[in-house]
Structures are given as C-alpha cells and as structure tokens.
Amino acid sequence: MYTPPFTVTEEALGLLVEIGTRLPGANNAPETRHFSTDKLCAEHAVLGGSGCLRTTGARPHWVSVLLQALLDWVQHTRSHPLIRSAVLHYELLGIRPFSSGNEQLAERLQRRMLADFHPCFSKLEIHIPPQEYSLALAAPDATEFITLSLRAILAALKTQPAERPRATRRTSPAEQLLAYLRRHPGSKRQDIMTALPELSPRMLDRHLQNLKDSGQIEYRGSRKTGAYYPASTTR
C-alpha cells in the first residue's frame, strides 16, 4: 500500500501529548471516516466547484490514481488521527485533484476528521499564518505541515476556557438518614448509628424526630423492640 512520505518529529510527538491532556473528557477512538473519489467530488461541488477531477494542468492522467492511493492510505493507516488529517491536507494540495477550490476542500476535510476525533474540534478556531502555511506546503513532504497543524491546534485549545467541574449538591444528613431507612425499613436506632457513623447520637435523635414530625418516617413497636420505617412502607 502506498504511504505518503513524512516523519513525525519529536516536537510533533510532544505536541500530540500536550493536546491530549487538554482535550475535555475521553474520546473513544472513533471509526475512521471513509473517503472516496466520488465523495470528494461531491464535497467539491458543495463548496461551489465543478465536482469533476481536473483534466488539464500537470499530469492529469495521474490524478485519479494518486488520489485513490492517498484515500486508501487514510482509510487503513494506523497513524494518529491528527497526523492523518494533516497528511491528507498536505497531499491533496500536492495532487491538486480539481482545477480550483483545492485549499478549501483540504481544509474542510481536515476539520471534519478533527471533529470525528473529538467533538470539541467542531467549534475550535484553528488559525495558521498564511506565510507559514505556504512554506510548509512547499516543503518536500508533510513533516513540517504536520508540526505546523499541531502547533495551531494546541494554540487554539489554549484559548479555550477551562471546563469547570459541575458542582455536586451535598446530601444533607437528614436526606442520608431517610434514604437509608427507605433501603432498610425496620432499622433500629443502633443499626442506623452503625450505618451512619458520621451522625452523633444527639444529631441522629434530632433528625429522627424531625423526620417523624414531618411525617416522612414513623416508629413502630415498643420503645425497646420497635424500629423505624419510611412512612410509605406498609405494615
């Protein structure tokens, strides 16, 4: 199988690691999006192009062959999705499969692959300075473009506000007590003290009385042998 020439530098590997630490939540290694020549032509038409592979310019008879080889590589490579998306972008502009609109198509496909990898990329504003973009595309292979893309992705992530953890409401002692009795109807005072050691005897008695007064629990039986039940529990 054809493999586009590129090298993943030490800098690129470091950028991948840092990007991974900044992505909120865990991504589930999504299935690789399947691209075909027909789909690319359809995408080109959506962008306002002809939707037909070029038949003029440099080596037009090789366009379909080179394009299919590239798409096969994208489909089957084990390269990291962010690497894969940058290589696809770079190689498409080398092949220039359409008479115009190749830059817009390459950017659209790369962004779609990024969004497939992690949903946060769908709203991320990724900016590459035009001069650096041109220099990286003029390089003999995708190595520099990979690193440039990763730098831009990391820079965009750094501008995103950090996600704040959702505040969780603490359960009150009375709620804990009521929940316990709903799970264990017929519990005696000593059973409750053992199950909820954070409640002192005085606090326990106070919450038990409050729950009884509010009609949420009831005491059944004699003072020595009786137990506590949720009010909804039938005898």
Protein backbone atom coordinates (compact mmCIF):
# COMPACT_ATOMS: atom_id res chain seq x y z
CA MET A 1 0.00 0.00 0.00
CA TYR A 2 1.21 3.48 -0.84
CA THR A 3 2.40 5.53 2.16
CA PRO A 4 2.92 9.29 1.78
CA PRO A 5 6.44 10.37 2.83
CA PHE A 6 6.57 12.16 6.18
CA THR A 7 8.29 12.00 9.56
CA VAL A 8 6.72 12.52 12.95
CA THR A 9 9.29 14.66 14.76
CA GLU A 10 9.99 14.77 18.49
CA GLU A 11 8.28 18.14 18.59
CA ALA A 12 5.18 16.69 16.92
CA LEU A 13 5.06 13.82 19.43
CA GLY A 14 5.30 16.29 22.31
CA LEU A 15 2.52 18.40 20.80
CA LEU A 16 0.29 15.32 20.49
CA VAL A 17 0.81 14.54 24.16
CA GLU A 18 0.02 18.08 25.27
CA ILE A 19 -3.04 18.26 23.01
CA GLY A 20 -4.28 15.02 24.55
CA THR A 21 -4.01 16.45 28.06
CA ARG A 22 -6.10 19.48 27.09
CA LEU A 23 -8.99 17.65 25.44
CA PRO A 24 -12.01 17.60 27.76
CA GLY A 25 -13.27 14.14 28.52
CA ALA A 26 -12.14 10.98 26.81
CA ASN A 27 -12.56 10.30 23.13
CA ASN A 28 -13.44 6.76 22.11
CA ALA A 29 -11.12 6.29 19.14
CA PRO A 30 -13.88 6.79 16.55
CA GLU A 31 -14.08 4.76 13.40
CA THR A 32 -12.09 6.22 10.50
CA ARG A 33 -14.26 8.27 8.16
CA HIS A 34 -14.38 6.63 4.75
CA PHE A 35 -13.46 8.94 1.89
CA SER A 36 -13.82 8.02 -1.78
CA THR A 37 -13.20 9.87 -5.02
CA ASP A 38 -16.96 10.23 -5.52
CA LYS A 39 -17.39 11.69 -2.04
CA LEU A 40 -14.58 14.17 -2.60
CA CYS A 41 -16.15 15.25 -5.88
CA ALA A 42 -19.47 15.71 -4.09
CA GLU A 43 -17.78 17.77 -1.36
CA HIS A 44 -16.10 19.89 -4.02
CA ALA A 45 -19.48 20.56 -5.63
CA VAL A 46 -20.95 21.58 -2.25
CA LEU A 47 -18.18 24.17 -1.98
CA GLY A 48 -19.22 25.62 -5.34
CA GLY A 49 -16.75 23.75 -7.53
CA SER A 50 -17.34 21.64 -10.60
CA GLY A 51 -17.22 18.34 -8.71
CA CYS A 52 -15.12 16.86 -11.52
CA LEU A 53 -11.46 15.88 -11.38
CA ARG A 54 -9.25 18.13 -13.45
CA THR A 55 -8.25 17.10 -16.98
CA THR A 56 -5.67 19.85 -17.52
CA GLY A 57 -2.51 21.03 -15.80
CA ALA A 58 0.34 18.83 -14.56
CA ARG A 59 -0.12 15.06 -15.11
CA PRO A 60 -3.94 15.00 -15.24
CA HIS A 61 -3.89 11.29 -16.16
CA TRP A 62 -2.32 10.51 -12.75
CA VAL A 63 -4.83 12.46 -10.67
CA SER A 64 -7.33 9.65 -10.09
CA VAL A 65 -4.57 7.10 -9.38
CA LEU A 66 -2.75 9.31 -6.88
CA LEU A 67 -5.98 10.37 -5.24
CA GLN A 68 -7.19 6.80 -4.77
CA ALA A 69 -3.81 5.75 -3.32
CA LEU A 70 -3.98 8.61 -0.83
CA LEU A 71 -7.54 7.79 0.21
CA ASP A 72 -6.64 4.12 0.68
CA TRP A 73 -3.81 5.17 2.98
CA VAL A 74 -6.13 7.44 5.00
CA GLN A 75 -8.56 4.57 5.41
CA HIS A 76 -6.04 1.96 6.55
CA THR A 77 -3.16 3.77 8.24
CA ARG A 78 -2.57 3.38 11.96
CA SER A 79 -1.19 6.89 12.23
CA HIS A 80 -2.72 9.15 14.89
CA PRO A 81 -5.91 10.83 13.59
CA LEU A 82 -4.38 14.31 13.94
CA ILE A 83 -1.35 13.19 11.90
CA ARG A 84 -3.61 11.54 9.34
CA SER A 85 -5.71 14.67 8.88
CA ALA A 86 -2.64 16.88 8.34
CA VAL A 87 -1.13 14.46 5.80
CA LEU A 88 -4.41 14.32 3.89
CA HIS A 89 -4.50 18.13 3.75
CA TYR A 90 -0.88 18.38 2.55
CA GLU A 91 -1.10 15.60 -0.04
CA LEU A 92 -4.37 16.86 -1.51
CA LEU A 93 -2.72 20.16 -2.28
CA GLY A 94 0.17 18.30 -3.87
CA ILE A 95 -2.14 16.31 -6.13
CA ARG A 96 -4.50 19.26 -6.74
CA PRO A 97 -7.31 16.99 -7.94
CA PHE A 98 -9.56 19.87 -9.03
CA SER A 99 -8.94 22.87 -11.24
CA SER A 100 -9.79 25.19 -8.31
CA GLY A 101 -11.01 25.06 -4.73
CA ASN A 102 -8.45 22.52 -3.53
CA GLU A 103 -7.40 24.61 -0.50
CA GLN A 104 -10.99 24.96 0.73
CA LEU A 105 -11.64 21.26 0.23
CA ALA A 106 -8.44 20.21 2.04
CA GLU A 107 -9.28 22.45 4.99
CA ARG A 108 -12.87 21.19 5.12
CA LEU A 109 -11.79 17.53 5.14
CA GLN A 110 -9.11 18.08 7.78
CA ARG A 111 -11.56 19.86 10.07
CA ARG A 112 -14.09 17.09 9.60
CA MET A 113 -11.51 14.48 10.58
CA LEU A 114 -10.57 16.54 13.64
CA ALA A 115 -14.23 16.75 14.69
CA ASP A 116 -14.56 12.99 14.24
CA PHE A 117 -11.62 12.53 16.61
CA HIS A 118 -13.04 14.82 19.31
CA PRO A 119 -16.25 16.90 19.26
CA CYS A 120 -14.52 19.96 20.75
CA PHE A 121 -12.74 20.47 17.41
CA SER A 122 -16.03 21.22 15.66
CA LYS A 123 -16.15 24.66 17.32
CA LEU A 124 -12.43 25.33 17.63
CA GLU A 125 -10.98 28.25 15.67
CA ILE A 126 -7.70 26.92 14.26
CA HIS A 127 -5.54 29.55 12.58
CA ILE A 128 -2.29 29.05 10.66
CA PRO A 129 -0.45 32.21 9.50
CA PRO A 130 -0.57 32.33 5.68
CA GLN A 131 3.20 32.65 5.26
CA GLU A 132 3.94 29.64 7.48
CA TYR A 133 1.17 27.73 5.70
CA SER A 134 2.74 28.40 2.28
CA LEU A 135 6.24 27.47 3.46
CA ALA A 136 5.05 24.18 4.98
CA LEU A 137 3.19 23.26 1.79
CA ALA A 138 6.31 24.00 -0.25
CA ALA A 139 8.36 21.50 1.80
CA PRO A 140 9.26 18.18 0.11
CA ASP A 141 6.96 16.14 2.38
CA ALA A 142 4.26 16.59 5.03
CA THR A 143 6.63 16.63 8.03
CA GLU A 144 6.63 20.40 8.56
CA PHE A 145 2.91 20.71 7.82
CA ILE A 146 2.12 18.08 10.48
CA THR A 147 4.05 20.03 13.10
CA LEU A 148 2.54 23.34 11.99
CA SER A 149 -1.00 21.90 12.21
CA LEU A 150 -0.37 20.51 15.68
CA ARG A 151 1.03 23.86 16.86
CA ALA A 152 -2.10 25.61 15.58
CA ILE A 153 -4.40 23.06 17.23
CA LEU A 154 -2.62 23.42 20.57
CA ALA A 155 -2.70 27.22 20.35
CA ALA A 156 -6.45 27.09 19.69
CA LEU A 157 -7.01 24.76 22.64
CA LYS A 158 -5.08 27.11 24.92
CA THR A 159 -7.50 29.92 24.12
CA GLN A 160 -10.48 27.81 25.18
CA PRO A 161 -11.76 28.48 28.71
CA ALA A 162 -11.08 25.56 31.00
CA GLU A 163 -14.15 23.47 31.74
CA ARG A 164 -15.32 23.90 35.30
CA PRO A 165 -16.41 20.75 37.07
CA ARG A 166 -20.10 20.70 37.74
CA ALA A 167 -20.90 21.47 41.33
CA THR A 168 -22.48 18.50 43.02
CA ARG A 169 -25.08 19.10 45.68
CA ARG A 170 -24.16 17.55 49.00
CA THR A 171 -26.74 15.31 50.55
CA SER A 172 -27.86 16.55 53.95
CA PRO A 173 -27.69 14.24 57.00
CA ALA A 174 -31.49 14.11 57.13
CA GLU A 175 -31.61 13.06 53.45
CA GLN A 176 -28.98 10.39 54.07
CA LEU A 177 -30.98 9.09 57.01
CA LEU A 178 -34.22 8.99 55.06
CA ALA A 179 -32.52 7.28 52.10
CA TYR A 180 -31.06 4.66 54.44
CA LEU A 181 -34.44 3.89 56.00
CA ARG A 182 -36.00 3.58 52.56
CA ARG A 183 -33.37 0.99 51.70
CA HIS A 184 -33.53 -0.69 55.12
CA PRO A 185 -37.03 -0.34 56.60
CA GLY A 186 -37.33 -1.72 60.10
CA SER A 187 -33.92 -0.49 61.25
CA LYS A 188 -33.32 0.07 64.92
CA ARG A 189 -31.51 3.10 66.31
CA GLN A 190 -28.31 1.09 66.84
CA ASP A 191 -28.43 -0.20 63.24
CA ILE A 192 -28.65 3.37 61.98
CA MET A 193 -25.77 4.55 64.17
CA THR A 194 -23.59 1.75 62.78
CA ALA A 195 -24.54 2.50 59.17
CA LEU A 196 -24.17 6.30 59.51
CA PRO A 197 -21.24 6.80 61.91
CA GLU A 198 -20.87 10.45 60.87
CA LEU A 199 -24.07 11.22 62.84
CA SER A 200 -23.55 11.70 66.53
CA PRO A 201 -26.23 10.17 68.82
CA ARG A 202 -27.64 13.64 69.51
CA MET A 203 -27.75 14.55 65.79
CA LEU A 204 -29.35 11.22 64.98
CA ASP A 205 -32.09 11.65 67.56
CA ARG A 206 -32.78 15.19 66.33
CA HIS A 207 -33.06 14.13 62.66
CA LEU A 208 -35.20 11.13 63.55
CA GLN A 209 -37.56 13.38 65.48
CA ASN A 210 -37.71 15.94 62.66
CA LEU A 211 -38.47 13.25 60.09
CA LYS A 212 -41.19 11.84 62.34
CA ASP A 213 -42.71 15.29 62.89
CA SER A 214 -42.74 15.92 59.12
CA GLY A 215 -44.50 12.60 58.53
CA GLN A 216 -41.68 11.09 56.44
CA ILE A 217 -40.87 8.23 58.84
CA GLU A 218 -42.60 6.50 61.71
CA TYR A 219 -41.66 4.44 64.72
CA ARG A 220 -43.42 1.11 65.12
CA GLY A 221 -43.43 -1.19 68.10
CA SER A 222 -42.47 -0.79 71.74
CA ARG A 223 -39.76 1.52 72.98
CA LYS A 224 -37.32 -1.39 73.41
CA THR A 225 -38.15 -3.59 70.42
CA GLY A 226 -39.56 -1.12 67.90
CA ALA A 227 -37.91 0.16 64.72
CA TYR A 228 -38.06 2.99 62.19
CA TYR A 229 -39.85 2.79 58.83
CA PRO A 230 -40.44 5.18 55.95
CA ALA A 231 -44.00 6.49 56.23
CA SER A 232 -44.92 4.96 52.84
CA THR A 233 -43.97 1.42 53.90
CA THR A 234 -46.98 -0.76 54.67
CA ARG A 235 -47.06 -2.70 57.88
